[in-house]
Amino acid sequence: MIDSTCVIVRRPPGEETSSLGIRTAYATLMSAIDTKTLFIDDGIYNLLSDKGYNADMLREIIGAEGDVYCTRESMELRGFSEEDLVEGVNMVSEEEVARIIEGCESVGLF
């Protein structure tokens, strides 16, 4: 049985893939699987506090003590700051991404 997973979301809101990734993260977390959700590239647009369903689901994940990360580089490239994000998102460097992924038994890319 898998005890930990990392769900990577790299697609923006409006694409079903991003919502599927967020729902997968929520489902694995609710199944008592240690879940880390990582947003990279255009996936960071899902983290903006005004993004409706995806932002609401992320608040649920964070409220259930799920770990949500985004890369600082993806945010800076798009001109966003930590204040633009859903509260509780952890900013990490691209170097830290490898550590997060290596610490999980399973990885899903959305």
N, C-alpha and C. Protein backbone atom coordinates (compact mmCIF):
# COMPACT_ATOMS: atom_id res chain seq x y z
N MET A 1 0.84 -1.19 0.00
CA MET A 1 0.00 0.00 0.00
C MET A 1 0.88 1.25 0.00
N ILE A 2 0.46 2.25 -0.70
CA ILE A 2 1.18 3.52 -0.77
C ILE A 2 0.82 4.35 0.46
N ASP A 3 1.84 4.87 1.14
CA ASP A 3 1.63 5.69 2.33
C ASP A 3 1.82 7.17 2.08
N SER A 4 2.45 7.54 0.94
CA SER A 4 2.70 8.96 0.67
C SER A 4 2.67 9.21 -0.83
N THR A 5 2.21 10.40 -1.18
CA THR A 5 2.14 10.75 -2.59
C THR A 5 2.40 12.24 -2.78
N CYS A 6 2.90 12.58 -3.94
CA CYS A 6 3.07 13.97 -4.33
C CYS A 6 2.25 14.18 -5.60
N VAL A 7 1.32 15.12 -5.53
CA VAL A 7 0.51 15.47 -6.69
C VAL A 7 1.07 16.79 -7.23
N ILE A 8 1.51 16.75 -8.47
CA ILE A 8 2.09 17.94 -9.11
C ILE A 8 1.08 18.50 -10.10
N VAL A 9 0.74 19.77 -9.92
CA VAL A 9 -0.21 20.43 -10.81
C VAL A 9 0.55 21.50 -11.60
N ARG A 10 0.53 21.36 -12.92
CA ARG A 10 1.24 22.33 -13.75
C ARG A 10 0.36 23.02 -14.79
N ARG A 11 -0.94 22.67 -14.78
CA ARG A 11 -1.89 23.27 -15.72
C ARG A 11 -2.72 24.35 -15.02
N PRO A 12 -3.14 25.39 -15.73
CA PRO A 12 -3.89 26.50 -15.12
C PRO A 12 -5.35 26.14 -14.87
N PRO A 13 -6.04 26.96 -14.06
CA PRO A 13 -7.48 26.76 -13.89
C PRO A 13 -8.18 26.87 -15.25
N GLY A 14 -9.30 26.23 -15.36
CA GLY A 14 -10.00 26.23 -16.64
C GLY A 14 -9.69 25.00 -17.46
N GLU A 15 -8.59 24.34 -17.14
CA GLU A 15 -8.26 23.07 -17.78
C GLU A 15 -8.62 21.97 -16.79
N GLU A 16 -9.40 21.01 -17.23
CA GLU A 16 -9.89 19.96 -16.34
C GLU A 16 -8.75 19.24 -15.61
N THR A 17 -7.59 19.17 -16.24
CA THR A 17 -6.46 18.48 -15.63
C THR A 17 -6.08 19.10 -14.29
N SER A 18 -6.13 20.42 -14.18
CA SER A 18 -5.75 21.04 -12.91
C SER A 18 -6.76 20.70 -11.82
N SER A 19 -8.04 20.73 -12.13
CA SER A 19 -9.06 20.37 -11.14
C SER A 19 -8.94 18.91 -10.74
N LEU A 20 -8.64 18.05 -11.70
CA LEU A 20 -8.45 16.62 -11.39
C LEU A 20 -7.28 16.42 -10.43
N GLY A 21 -6.21 17.15 -10.64
CA GLY A 21 -5.06 17.04 -9.74
C GLY A 21 -5.42 17.46 -8.32
N ILE A 22 -6.14 18.57 -8.20
CA ILE A 22 -6.52 19.07 -6.88
C ILE A 22 -7.49 18.10 -6.21
N ARG A 23 -8.45 17.56 -6.97
CA ARG A 23 -9.38 16.58 -6.39
C ARG A 23 -8.65 15.30 -5.99
N THR A 24 -7.67 14.90 -6.78
CA THR A 24 -6.88 13.71 -6.43
C THR A 24 -6.14 13.94 -5.12
N ALA A 25 -5.53 15.11 -4.98
CA ALA A 25 -4.83 15.43 -3.74
C ALA A 25 -5.78 15.38 -2.55
N TYR A 26 -6.96 15.93 -2.71
CA TYR A 26 -7.95 15.92 -1.63
C TYR A 26 -8.36 14.48 -1.29
N ALA A 27 -8.62 13.68 -2.31
CA ALA A 27 -9.05 12.29 -2.09
C ALA A 27 -7.97 11.47 -1.39
N THR A 28 -6.73 11.62 -1.80
CA THR A 28 -5.67 10.84 -1.15
C THR A 28 -5.47 11.29 0.29
N LEU A 29 -5.55 12.58 0.52
CA LEU A 29 -5.43 13.11 1.88
C LEU A 29 -6.55 12.57 2.76
N MET A 30 -7.78 12.55 2.26
CA MET A 30 -8.92 12.04 3.02
C MET A 30 -8.83 10.53 3.22
N SER A 31 -8.01 9.86 2.43
CA SER A 31 -7.79 8.41 2.58
C SER A 31 -6.62 8.12 3.51
N ALA A 32 -6.20 9.12 4.27
CA ALA A 32 -5.11 8.99 5.24
C ALA A 32 -3.76 8.70 4.59
N ILE A 33 -3.58 9.17 3.37
CA ILE A 33 -2.29 9.05 2.70
C ILE A 33 -1.59 10.41 2.85
N ASP A 34 -0.34 10.38 3.30
CA ASP A 34 0.44 11.61 3.41
C ASP A 34 0.55 12.22 2.02
N THR A 35 -0.07 13.39 1.85
CA THR A 35 -0.18 14.00 0.52
C THR A 35 0.49 15.36 0.48
N LYS A 36 1.35 15.52 -0.50
CA LYS A 36 1.99 16.80 -0.76
C LYS A 36 1.51 17.25 -2.14
N THR A 37 1.02 18.47 -2.23
CA THR A 37 0.52 19.00 -3.50
C THR A 37 1.46 20.12 -3.91
N LEU A 38 2.03 20.00 -5.09
CA LEU A 38 3.05 20.93 -5.57
C LEU A 38 2.56 21.59 -6.86
N PHE A 39 2.61 22.91 -6.88
CA PHE A 39 2.19 23.68 -8.05
C PHE A 39 3.41 24.30 -8.72
N ILE A 40 3.54 24.04 -10.01
CA ILE A 40 4.66 24.56 -10.80
C ILE A 40 4.11 25.15 -12.10
N ASP A 41 4.95 25.85 -12.81
CA ASP A 41 4.60 26.42 -14.11
C ASP A 41 3.26 27.17 -14.02
N ASP A 42 2.37 26.97 -15.00
CA ASP A 42 1.09 27.67 -14.99
C ASP A 42 0.13 27.14 -13.93
N GLY A 43 0.48 26.06 -13.28
CA GLY A 43 -0.34 25.53 -12.19
C GLY A 43 -0.48 26.51 -11.04
N ILE A 44 0.46 27.43 -10.92
CA ILE A 44 0.40 28.38 -9.81
C ILE A 44 -0.81 29.30 -9.90
N TYR A 45 -1.40 29.45 -11.09
CA TYR A 45 -2.61 30.27 -11.21
C TYR A 45 -3.76 29.69 -10.37
N ASN A 46 -3.73 28.40 -10.09
CA ASN A 46 -4.74 27.77 -9.23
C ASN A 46 -4.64 28.25 -7.80
N LEU A 47 -3.50 28.78 -7.41
CA LEU A 47 -3.26 29.18 -6.03
C LEU A 47 -3.73 30.60 -5.72
N LEU A 48 -4.13 31.33 -6.73
CA LEU A 48 -4.58 32.70 -6.49
C LEU A 48 -5.88 32.67 -5.69
N SER A 49 -5.98 33.51 -4.71
CA SER A 49 -7.07 33.43 -3.74
C SER A 49 -8.46 33.66 -4.33
N ASP A 50 -8.55 34.16 -5.55
CA ASP A 50 -9.86 34.44 -6.14
C ASP A 50 -10.26 33.45 -7.23
N LYS A 51 -9.70 32.26 -7.23
CA LYS A 51 -9.92 31.33 -8.34
C LYS A 51 -11.02 30.30 -8.11
N GLY A 52 -12.06 30.63 -7.35
CA GLY A 52 -13.26 29.80 -7.26
C GLY A 52 -13.05 28.40 -6.73
N TYR A 53 -13.59 27.43 -7.47
CA TYR A 53 -13.61 26.04 -7.03
C TYR A 53 -12.23 25.52 -6.65
N ASN A 54 -11.23 25.74 -7.50
CA ASN A 54 -9.89 25.22 -7.20
C ASN A 54 -9.33 25.82 -5.92
N ALA A 55 -9.51 27.12 -5.73
CA ALA A 55 -9.03 27.78 -4.50
C ALA A 55 -9.80 27.26 -3.29
N ASP A 56 -11.11 27.03 -3.46
CA ASP A 56 -11.91 26.48 -2.35
C ASP A 56 -11.42 25.09 -1.96
N MET A 57 -11.13 24.26 -2.95
CA MET A 57 -10.62 22.91 -2.67
C MET A 57 -9.26 22.98 -1.98
N LEU A 58 -8.43 23.91 -2.41
CA LEU A 58 -7.11 24.06 -1.78
C LEU A 58 -7.25 24.48 -0.32
N ARG A 59 -8.21 25.34 -0.04
CA ARG A 59 -8.46 25.72 1.36
C ARG A 59 -8.87 24.49 2.18
N GLU A 60 -9.65 23.61 1.57
CA GLU A 60 -10.05 22.36 2.25
C GLU A 60 -8.82 21.48 2.52
N ILE A 61 -7.95 21.37 1.55
CA ILE A 61 -6.73 20.56 1.71
C ILE A 61 -5.87 21.14 2.83
N ILE A 62 -5.65 22.43 2.79
CA ILE A 62 -4.82 23.09 3.81
C ILE A 62 -5.48 22.97 5.18
N GLY A 63 -6.80 23.12 5.23
CA GLY A 63 -7.52 23.00 6.49
C GLY A 63 -7.45 21.61 7.09
N ALA A 64 -7.27 20.60 6.23
CA ALA A 64 -7.14 19.22 6.68
C ALA A 64 -5.67 18.86 6.93
N GLU A 65 -4.83 19.88 6.99
CA GLU A 65 -3.40 19.74 7.26
C GLU A 65 -2.63 19.07 6.13
N GLY A 66 -3.10 19.26 4.90
CA GLY A 66 -2.35 18.81 3.74
C GLY A 66 -1.26 19.82 3.42
N ASP A 67 -0.17 19.35 2.88
CA ASP A 67 0.95 20.22 2.52
C ASP A 67 0.78 20.70 1.07
N VAL A 68 0.76 22.02 0.90
CA VAL A 68 0.62 22.62 -0.43
C VAL A 68 1.83 23.51 -0.66
N TYR A 69 2.50 23.30 -1.80
CA TYR A 69 3.72 24.02 -2.13
C TYR A 69 3.61 24.64 -3.51
N CYS A 70 4.38 25.69 -3.74
CA CYS A 70 4.60 26.20 -5.09
C CYS A 70 6.04 26.67 -5.18
N THR A 71 6.54 26.68 -6.39
CA THR A 71 7.93 27.12 -6.55
C THR A 71 7.98 28.65 -6.62
N ARG A 72 8.91 29.17 -5.90
CA ARG A 72 9.14 30.62 -5.86
C ARG A 72 9.41 31.14 -7.28
N GLU A 73 10.17 30.37 -8.04
CA GLU A 73 10.54 30.78 -9.40
C GLU A 73 9.31 30.91 -10.30
N SER A 74 8.37 29.97 -10.20
CA SER A 74 7.15 30.05 -11.01
C SER A 74 6.33 31.28 -10.65
N MET A 75 6.28 31.59 -9.35
CA MET A 75 5.54 32.76 -8.90
C MET A 75 6.19 34.05 -9.41
N GLU A 76 7.49 34.17 -9.22
CA GLU A 76 8.20 35.38 -9.62
C GLU A 76 8.15 35.60 -11.13
N LEU A 77 8.26 34.51 -11.90
CA LEU A 77 8.20 34.61 -13.36
C LEU A 77 6.89 35.20 -13.83
N ARG A 78 5.81 34.96 -13.07
CA ARG A 78 4.49 35.43 -13.45
C ARG A 78 4.08 36.71 -12.71
N GLY A 79 4.99 37.24 -11.92
CA GLY A 79 4.75 38.51 -11.25
C GLY A 79 3.86 38.45 -10.02
N PHE A 80 3.75 37.27 -9.39
CA PHE A 80 2.93 37.12 -8.19
C PHE A 80 3.80 37.09 -6.95
N SER A 81 3.17 37.41 -5.82
CA SER A 81 3.87 37.31 -4.54
C SER A 81 3.05 36.42 -3.62
N GLU A 82 3.62 36.13 -2.47
CA GLU A 82 2.96 35.26 -1.49
C GLU A 82 1.60 35.81 -1.06
N GLU A 83 1.46 37.13 -1.05
CA GLU A 83 0.20 37.75 -0.65
C GLU A 83 -0.94 37.47 -1.63
N ASP A 84 -0.61 37.09 -2.86
CA ASP A 84 -1.63 36.80 -3.87
C ASP A 84 -2.22 35.40 -3.72
N LEU A 85 -1.59 34.56 -2.90
CA LEU A 85 -1.94 33.14 -2.81
C LEU A 85 -2.98 32.85 -1.75
N VAL A 86 -3.62 31.70 -1.92
CA VAL A 86 -4.47 31.15 -0.87
C VAL A 86 -3.60 31.03 0.38
N GLU A 87 -4.14 31.40 1.52
CA GLU A 87 -3.36 31.35 2.76
C GLU A 87 -2.98 29.91 3.11
N GLY A 88 -1.71 29.73 3.47
CA GLY A 88 -1.23 28.41 3.88
C GLY A 88 -0.36 27.70 2.86
N VAL A 89 -0.17 28.32 1.69
CA VAL A 89 0.70 27.74 0.66
C VAL A 89 2.15 28.01 1.03
N ASN A 90 2.99 27.00 0.91
CA ASN A 90 4.41 27.11 1.23
C ASN A 90 5.22 27.35 -0.05
N MET A 91 6.01 28.41 -0.05
CA MET A 91 6.89 28.69 -1.19
C MET A 91 8.18 27.91 -1.01
N VAL A 92 8.63 27.25 -2.09
CA VAL A 92 9.88 26.50 -2.07
C VAL A 92 10.69 26.83 -3.31
N SER A 93 11.98 26.58 -3.24
CA SER A 93 12.83 26.78 -4.42
C SER A 93 12.75 25.54 -5.30
N GLU A 94 13.17 25.68 -6.53
CA GLU A 94 13.17 24.53 -7.44
C GLU A 94 14.09 23.43 -6.92
N GLU A 95 15.13 23.79 -6.19
CA GLU A 95 16.03 22.77 -5.62
C GLU A 95 15.30 21.92 -4.57
N GLU A 96 14.36 22.52 -3.86
CA GLU A 96 13.62 21.78 -2.83
C GLU A 96 12.59 20.82 -3.41
N VAL A 97 12.22 21.02 -4.66
CA VAL A 97 11.24 20.15 -5.31
C VAL A 97 11.73 18.70 -5.31
N ALA A 98 12.98 18.49 -5.62
CA ALA A 98 13.52 17.12 -5.64
C ALA A 98 13.39 16.46 -4.28
N ARG A 99 13.65 17.20 -3.21
CA ARG A 99 13.54 16.65 -1.86
C ARG A 99 12.09 16.25 -1.56
N ILE A 100 11.15 17.08 -1.96
CA ILE A 100 9.73 16.80 -1.73
C ILE A 100 9.33 15.53 -2.47
N ILE A 101 9.70 15.45 -3.74
CA ILE A 101 9.32 14.29 -4.56
C ILE A 101 10.00 13.02 -4.05
N GLU A 102 11.28 13.10 -3.72
CA GLU A 102 12.00 11.92 -3.23
C GLU A 102 11.42 11.37 -1.94
N GLY A 103 10.76 12.23 -1.17
CA GLY A 103 10.17 11.79 0.09
C GLY A 103 8.83 11.09 -0.05
N CYS A 104 8.35 10.93 -1.27
CA CYS A 104 7.05 10.31 -1.50
C CYS A 104 7.20 9.00 -2.28
N GLU A 105 6.29 8.08 -2.01
CA GLU A 105 6.32 6.78 -2.68
C GLU A 105 5.70 6.82 -4.07
N SER A 106 4.83 7.80 -4.30
CA SER A 106 4.11 7.88 -5.56
C SER A 106 4.07 9.35 -6.00
N VAL A 107 4.06 9.56 -7.31
CA VAL A 107 3.97 10.92 -7.86
C VAL A 107 2.97 10.91 -8.99
N GLY A 108 2.09 11.90 -9.01
CA GLY A 108 1.14 12.06 -10.10
C GLY A 108 1.29 13.45 -10.69
N LEU A 109 1.31 13.55 -12.01
CA LEU A 109 1.48 14.82 -12.70
C LEU A 109 0.20 15.18 -13.42
N PHE A 110 -0.31 16.38 -13.13
CA PHE A 110 -1.56 16.85 -13.73
C PHE A 110 -1.34 18.17 -14.44
